[in-house]
Amino acid sequence: MEKQPAILSSLACNLDVDILSAVFPLLEEDRVEALEWSFDTLFWAEQVPGWFTELLDTYGQQNRLIGHGVFFSLLSGRWSAEQQQWLQHLRELSSRFRFDHITEHFGFFSGQNFHSGAPLPTPYTPAALRLGQDRVSRIYEACRCPVGLENLAFAYSLDEVKHHGEFLEKLLEPVSGFLILDLHNLYCQLHNFSVSYEELIALYPLHRVREIHISGGSWEDSALRPTRKVRRDTHDEGVPEEVFRLLNLTLPMCPQLKYVVLEQLSAGLKTDESRARFQQDFRQMEELVQKHRAGLSARLNELFLPSHLPQPGLVVEDPKLYEQQRQLAQILETAPSFDEAQRLLQSSSLAHSDWKIEEWEPCMLETAVRLAQKWKG
């Protein structure tokens, strides 16, 4: 049997006509070495076509299928029926498909609808850590394979950005989990908070990086900072050259790296031109992977599995955190202006709390209002 490459050039592929139209030429050329499937985005599909199941099985049988969650809302302060259903769905899928690992996003969803909302950060407190570790343990118990978390693009302050990597590592401790390092998310923070790559990358546990994401995004004007745009992780454009530069710098720094995944949402793949750009982005990513994979071929392979099976007891909840999240979501979704959002926050329970709203960058609060109201709409 041919030895599996040290790093696999991978694609995020879902049951979506625009994504599939962009992906199929690369599949036909046998270039896609692994497949990432956002397994919880098929809530609308009554039945998954047999050919798509066969595609997933083909990669699963080679240990090259990875599952990516979107809607679990890891750090919600209250346990919901939707989260319980999500875990049950994952348990069923894990018995049906052979996932090499399962991942989820950091943060909580602002929206009340389970399948809409903007993923937002929560304070890095001991209470939030206990809650998140409980959720990560439940994900592992459901899938029984390595579990990872993805760094978040959005942040309210530079202090939050600087402590993100450390908090992610602590969240993963109970399951000896790994990190998805999303380089476009990192790019958003580098730009939005004027911090250097060298300073920020040193704050991440790179020995835990098993997967890297690259994608594109968009620029948004800010009325509060008219001379400088805000970078958004919208996944609706091609990969910026700067993100490829970050990939080239980061690849040799991650000794446990196994997957490099190109992502793009269907909204950005509607035209022949955008699909051709996607395919070119994949080939450019592939070239960088091939350039660096030889240097990692002799590595020790970390399994990212706990030494013993976690046995989650009673669900950990935090009523105070949930109430603050509820208030924040309501303010962001309904405030008619930035000034009103700021006024409502200052009169809420988030004021003078672990949320440190007094330190939030105004343009990031402005962005959060836009995000929340877009998803609510």
Foldseek 3Di string as FASTA:
>chain_A
DDDDFQAFLAAEDEPDPLRCVLCVVCVVVVRHLAYEYQVPPCPVPPDDDPVVVVVQQVRQVVQRYAYEYEQLFLQAQDDDPVNVVVLVSLLVVLVVGRHQEYEYEAAGFLDPPSPFGDGDHAFLDPLSLVQNLLSQLSNCVSNVAAYEYEQALADFFPVCLLCRQVSRCSSLVQFLHAYAYELVSVVLCCQVHVDDPVNRVVSHPLQRHAEYEFAAFDWAAFPVCRVGTHTDPPQQAGGDVVSLVVCLVSLVVRLQYHYYYYGHDSNNRPDPVSSVSSVVSSVSVSVSCVVRRVVNRPGDHDRSGHPDRDDNDDNRHDVVSNVVSNQLSVLLQDPPDLVSSVVSCCVDPNHPDSVPSVRGDSRSSVVSSVRSNVRVD
